[in-house]
Amino acid sequence: MKYLFFDLEYATSNPVKRICEFGYVLTDEKFHILEDNNFIINPNINRDEWDWFVLDEILTKSVDEYERGRTFDKYYDKIADLINDADYIFGHTINGDVEALNCELKRYKFPPLNFSFYDIKEIYKKYSAEKKNVSVENILKRLDIKGDKNSHDAGVDAYNTMLEFKKMINNLNVSVDELIKLCPESEDYTEDFIISSIEISRLEREEINKKSLTDTNDNSMSRSGYKSKIFGCFIRTVSPNVDEEKTLEGLTFCISYYYEKKSL
């Protein structure tokens, strides 16, 4: 049996994710490490496309270090082999990493990698009866694990995620199969670039948005209310139609102070 734990870091995640690190740990069923690495990947983007907040506050390397790396397509064969050969695949909030992986596969015109995977975050929530999401660093603390402290290095995060899973397995004295059955919420799947959990969430949001757009003759919007969230989602995702005449270009708009005050 082979267990693959992987974690990614991104150079940018908006509007699409571009990978700059692919870290992984491959173990046997006893959690003996068979192989581990962290691929430093050139995201192949312009300097002005980098997420500079992430670069300054999260990533552990400089732009120059990433740009000296090889591009994703040069690592494709190795990444595909790791995924296809693994019996189980794990990660922390792994659906986001799989989404990034799909972005790069489509970008470089590779076929989809179809596989099941399991979210350690969801397994820990079931294990601890915790309702809120918990970071890799905080799970280490709560499980009293002395992992590698160099967080946001993809290889380190993959290693720490493995330690967390191993500790939960040992504490519960169950097998991997048994733990997964105890936490069906952790299982996810990607097929033809569609990730099950993300697609379900998208369809649910669409349905909620349709209901919210019915004419109720009430345009009030509280700061933390649902309509405010819907409006914020629209603002973040709307894009201009380039075929239309740019009659509003250069103009500035604001929401009435009186409307804003009444909405608070």
Protein backbone atom coordinates (compact mmCIF):
# COMPACT_ATOMS: atom_id res chain seq x y z
CA MET A 1 0.00 0.00 0.00
CA LYS A 2 1.13 3.52 -0.79
CA TYR A 3 -0.19 6.68 0.89
CA LEU A 4 0.45 10.01 -0.84
CA PHE A 5 0.25 13.26 1.12
CA PHE A 6 0.66 16.41 -0.93
CA ASP A 7 0.39 20.15 -0.52
CA LEU A 8 0.68 23.07 -2.95
CA GLU A 9 1.60 26.72 -2.75
CA TYR A 10 0.36 29.25 -5.29
CA ALA A 11 1.94 32.27 -6.92
CA THR A 12 -1.55 33.56 -7.62
CA SER A 13 -5.06 32.27 -7.01
CA ASN A 14 -7.16 34.93 -8.76
CA PRO A 15 -8.58 34.59 -11.35
CA VAL A 16 -6.89 31.18 -11.69
CA LYS A 17 -4.43 29.33 -9.51
CA ARG A 18 -0.80 29.07 -10.58
CA ILE A 19 1.33 26.58 -8.68
CA CYS A 20 4.80 27.50 -7.43
CA GLU A 21 5.41 24.53 -5.07
CA PHE A 22 4.34 20.88 -5.13
CA GLY A 23 5.38 19.17 -1.91
CA TYR A 24 4.70 15.53 -1.16
CA VAL A 25 5.43 12.61 1.13
CA LEU A 26 4.91 9.03 -0.04
CA THR A 27 4.68 6.35 2.66
CA ASP A 28 3.85 2.69 3.06
CA GLU A 29 0.99 1.43 5.23
CA LYS A 30 3.21 1.72 8.32
CA PHE A 31 3.92 5.39 7.49
CA HIS A 32 7.54 4.71 6.68
CA ILE A 33 8.60 7.41 4.23
CA LEU A 34 9.37 5.94 0.81
CA GLU A 35 9.95 9.27 -0.92
CA ASP A 36 9.51 12.97 -0.30
CA ASN A 37 10.29 16.18 -2.16
CA ASN A 38 9.18 19.73 -2.81
CA PHE A 39 9.19 20.77 -6.45
CA ILE A 40 9.94 24.47 -6.80
CA ILE A 41 7.93 25.45 -9.86
CA ASN A 42 8.22 28.46 -12.11
CA PRO A 43 4.57 29.60 -12.36
CA ASN A 44 5.35 31.13 -15.76
CA ILE A 45 3.55 34.41 -15.13
CA ASN A 46 4.47 38.07 -15.44
CA ARG A 47 5.86 39.86 -12.38
CA ASP A 48 2.71 41.98 -12.07
CA GLU A 49 0.58 38.83 -11.86
CA TRP A 50 2.18 37.61 -8.62
CA ASP A 51 0.12 37.82 -5.46
CA TRP A 52 2.53 40.05 -3.56
CA PHE A 53 0.76 39.64 -0.23
CA VAL A 54 1.21 35.88 -0.44
CA LEU A 55 4.79 36.35 -1.57
CA ASP A 56 5.63 38.68 1.33
CA GLU A 57 3.60 37.04 4.09
CA ILE A 58 3.25 33.35 3.27
CA LEU A 59 5.70 31.92 0.74
CA THR A 60 9.14 30.97 2.02
CA LYS A 61 11.12 31.76 -1.12
CA SER A 62 11.74 34.74 -3.38
CA VAL A 63 10.36 35.38 -6.84
CA ASP A 64 13.83 34.75 -8.28
CA GLU A 65 14.00 31.31 -6.67
CA TYR A 66 10.65 30.31 -8.12
CA GLU A 67 11.44 31.71 -11.54
CA ARG A 68 14.68 29.72 -11.64
CA GLY A 69 12.63 26.55 -11.27
CA ARG A 70 11.22 24.44 -14.07
CA THR A 71 7.66 24.99 -15.25
CA PHE A 72 4.79 22.68 -14.28
CA ASP A 73 4.81 20.75 -17.55
CA LYS A 74 8.33 19.50 -16.79
CA TYR A 75 7.04 17.89 -13.58
CA TYR A 76 3.86 16.46 -15.08
CA ASP A 77 5.09 12.89 -15.61
CA LYS A 78 6.36 12.60 -12.02
CA ILE A 79 3.23 14.13 -10.50
CA ALA A 80 0.96 11.93 -12.62
CA ASP A 81 2.93 8.81 -11.60
CA LEU A 82 2.70 9.72 -7.91
CA ILE A 83 -1.06 10.19 -8.11
CA ASN A 84 -1.80 7.17 -10.30
CA ASP A 85 0.38 4.81 -8.24
CA ALA A 86 -0.98 5.85 -4.83
CA ASP A 87 -3.62 3.74 -3.09
CA TYR A 88 -4.79 6.68 -0.97
CA ILE A 89 -4.24 10.41 -1.42
CA PHE A 90 -4.50 12.89 1.47
CA GLY A 91 -4.08 16.60 2.09
CA HIS A 92 -5.29 19.52 4.18
CA THR A 93 -8.14 21.39 2.43
CA ILE A 94 -7.01 19.31 -0.50
CA ASN A 95 -9.88 20.17 -2.85
CA GLY A 96 -8.32 23.61 -3.36
CA ASP A 97 -4.98 22.03 -4.25
CA VAL A 98 -6.65 19.61 -6.66
CA GLU A 99 -8.42 22.58 -8.24
CA ALA A 100 -5.03 24.27 -8.74
CA LEU A 101 -3.67 21.06 -10.20
CA ASN A 102 -6.57 20.94 -12.64
CA CYS A 103 -5.89 24.57 -13.63
CA GLU A 104 -2.33 23.72 -14.59
CA LEU A 105 -3.30 20.51 -16.38
CA LYS A 106 -5.72 22.46 -18.56
CA ARG A 107 -3.23 25.28 -19.04
CA TYR A 108 -0.58 22.93 -20.45
CA LYS A 109 -3.18 20.83 -22.30
CA PHE A 110 -2.65 17.61 -20.33
CA PRO A 111 -5.46 15.08 -19.88
CA PRO A 112 -7.35 15.13 -16.57
CA LEU A 113 -6.07 13.11 -13.63
CA ASN A 114 -9.12 11.33 -12.20
CA PHE A 115 -8.72 10.19 -8.59
CA SER A 116 -10.27 10.04 -5.13
CA PHE A 117 -8.71 11.99 -2.28
CA TYR A 118 -9.32 12.64 1.42
CA ASP A 119 -9.23 15.84 3.46
CA ILE A 120 -7.29 15.61 6.72
CA LYS A 121 -9.05 18.78 7.92
CA GLU A 122 -12.42 17.02 7.74
CA ILE A 123 -11.04 13.90 9.39
CA TYR A 124 -9.71 15.99 12.27
CA LYS A 125 -13.05 17.77 12.68
CA LYS A 126 -14.73 14.39 13.08
CA TYR A 127 -11.97 13.13 15.36
CA SER A 128 -12.15 16.15 17.68
CA ALA A 129 -15.85 17.04 17.31
CA GLU A 130 -14.60 20.44 16.15
CA LYS A 131 -17.09 22.38 14.02
CA LYS A 132 -14.74 25.06 12.71
CA ASN A 133 -11.88 24.50 10.28
CA VAL A 134 -8.48 24.10 11.94
CA SER A 135 -5.12 24.90 10.30
CA VAL A 136 -2.28 22.42 9.93
CA GLU A 137 -0.28 24.31 12.56
CA ASN A 138 -3.09 24.23 15.11
CA ILE A 139 -3.83 20.55 14.54
CA LEU A 140 -0.17 19.84 15.32
CA LYS A 141 -0.53 21.70 18.62
CA ARG A 142 -3.79 20.03 19.58
CA LEU A 143 -2.44 16.57 18.82
CA ASP A 144 0.80 17.40 20.68
CA ILE A 145 2.96 16.71 17.63
CA LYS A 146 6.39 18.26 17.23
CA GLY A 147 6.34 18.65 13.49
CA ASP A 148 8.48 20.78 11.21
CA LYS A 149 7.81 24.45 12.06
CA ASN A 150 8.64 25.80 8.60
CA SER A 151 4.98 26.23 7.67
CA HIS A 152 3.83 27.23 4.17
CA ASP A 153 6.66 25.25 2.66
CA ALA A 154 4.68 22.72 0.62
CA GLY A 155 6.98 19.82 1.49
CA VAL A 156 6.80 20.64 5.20
CA ASP A 157 3.01 20.97 5.17
CA ALA A 158 2.68 17.61 3.40
CA TYR A 159 4.96 16.03 6.03
CA ASN A 160 3.07 17.60 8.95
CA THR A 161 -0.24 16.48 7.46
CA MET A 162 1.10 12.94 7.35
CA LEU A 163 2.12 13.14 11.02
CA GLU A 164 -1.36 14.33 11.97
CA PHE A 165 -3.08 11.51 10.13
CA LYS A 166 -0.71 8.95 11.62
CA LYS A 167 -1.35 10.27 15.14
CA MET A 168 -5.14 10.05 14.74
CA ILE A 169 -4.84 6.50 13.39
CA ASN A 170 -2.70 5.47 16.36
CA ASN A 171 -4.83 7.24 18.96
CA LEU A 172 -8.03 5.63 17.71
CA ASN A 173 -6.33 2.27 17.05
CA VAL A 174 -8.13 1.86 13.74
CA SER A 175 -7.08 1.13 10.18
CA VAL A 176 -7.03 3.68 7.38
CA ASP A 177 -10.17 2.12 5.88
CA GLU A 178 -11.95 2.23 9.23
CA LEU A 179 -11.07 5.89 9.83
CA ILE A 180 -12.28 6.87 6.37
CA LYS A 181 -15.57 5.06 6.95
CA LEU A 182 -15.95 6.99 10.20
CA CYS A 183 -15.58 10.24 8.25
CA PRO A 184 -17.30 9.98 4.85
CA GLU A 185 -17.25 13.81 4.65
CA SER A 186 -13.51 13.64 4.02
CA GLU A 187 -13.83 11.80 0.70
CA ASP A 188 -13.81 13.75 -2.54
CA TYR A 189 -13.24 13.05 -6.22
CA THR A 190 -12.03 14.79 -9.35
CA GLU A 191 -13.08 13.61 -12.79
CA ASP A 192 -12.66 15.41 -16.12
CA PHE A 193 -11.48 18.52 -14.23
CA ILE A 194 -14.66 18.61 -12.10
CA ILE A 195 -14.21 18.28 -8.33
CA SER A 196 -17.24 16.81 -6.59
CA SER A 197 -17.26 19.04 -3.48
CA ILE A 198 -16.62 22.25 -5.43
CA GLU A 199 -19.30 21.42 -8.01
CA ILE A 200 -21.86 20.67 -5.29
CA SER A 201 -21.06 23.98 -3.57
CA ARG A 202 -21.37 25.83 -6.88
CA LEU A 203 -24.79 24.35 -7.61
CA GLU A 204 -25.97 25.14 -4.09
CA ARG A 205 -24.82 28.76 -4.43
CA GLU A 206 -26.56 29.07 -7.78
CA GLU A 207 -29.82 27.86 -6.29
CA ILE A 208 -29.53 30.23 -3.34
CA ASN A 209 -28.66 33.13 -5.63
CA LYS A 210 -31.70 32.45 -7.83
CA LYS A 211 -33.97 32.57 -4.79
CA SER A 212 -32.32 35.76 -3.54
CA LEU A 213 -32.97 37.55 -6.84
CA THR A 214 -36.75 37.33 -6.57
CA ASP A 215 -38.44 40.75 -6.36
CA THR A 216 -39.41 41.26 -2.73
CA ASN A 217 -39.51 45.09 -2.93
CA ASP A 218 -36.89 45.14 -0.19
CA ASN A 219 -33.45 46.41 -1.14
CA SER A 220 -32.10 46.83 2.39
CA MET A 221 -28.64 45.38 2.95
CA SER A 222 -27.13 44.91 6.40
CA ARG A 223 -23.34 44.66 6.65
CA SER A 224 -23.33 41.01 7.76
CA GLY A 225 -26.60 39.99 6.11
CA TYR A 226 -27.08 37.47 3.34
CA LYS A 227 -27.79 40.08 0.65
CA SER A 228 -24.50 41.76 1.47
CA LYS A 229 -22.69 38.46 0.96
CA ILE A 230 -24.43 37.89 -2.37
CA PHE A 231 -23.55 41.42 -3.51
CA GLY A 232 -19.94 40.93 -2.43
CA CYS A 233 -19.76 37.66 -4.34
CA PHE A 234 -21.10 39.43 -7.45
CA ILE A 235 -18.56 42.25 -7.13
CA ARG A 236 -15.66 39.80 -6.78
CA THR A 237 -16.62 37.70 -9.80
CA VAL A 238 -18.24 40.10 -12.28
CA SER A 239 -16.19 40.93 -15.35
CA PRO A 240 -16.83 43.51 -18.08
CA ASN A 241 -18.04 42.58 -21.53
CA VAL A 242 -15.18 43.67 -23.77
CA ASP A 243 -17.54 43.91 -26.74
CA GLU A 244 -19.50 46.75 -25.16
CA GLU A 245 -18.58 50.40 -25.56
CA LYS A 246 -16.69 51.61 -22.49
CA THR A 247 -19.00 54.56 -21.79
CA LEU A 248 -18.28 54.46 -18.04
CA GLU A 249 -14.50 54.35 -18.32
CA GLY A 250 -12.79 56.94 -16.15
CA LEU A 251 -15.89 57.66 -14.06
CA THR A 252 -16.10 57.14 -10.30
CA PHE A 253 -19.17 55.85 -8.45
CA CYS A 254 -20.08 55.55 -4.79
CA ILE A 255 -23.01 54.31 -2.73
CA SER A 256 -25.04 57.01 -1.05
CA TYR A 257 -23.88 57.75 2.50
CA TYR A 258 -27.52 57.85 3.63
CA TYR A 259 -28.20 54.43 2.15
CA GLU A 260 -25.05 53.05 3.72
CA LYS A 261 -25.89 54.56 7.10
CA LYS A 262 -29.42 53.15 7.01
CA SER A 263 -28.09 49.71 6.10
CA LEU A 264 -25.77 49.43 9.11
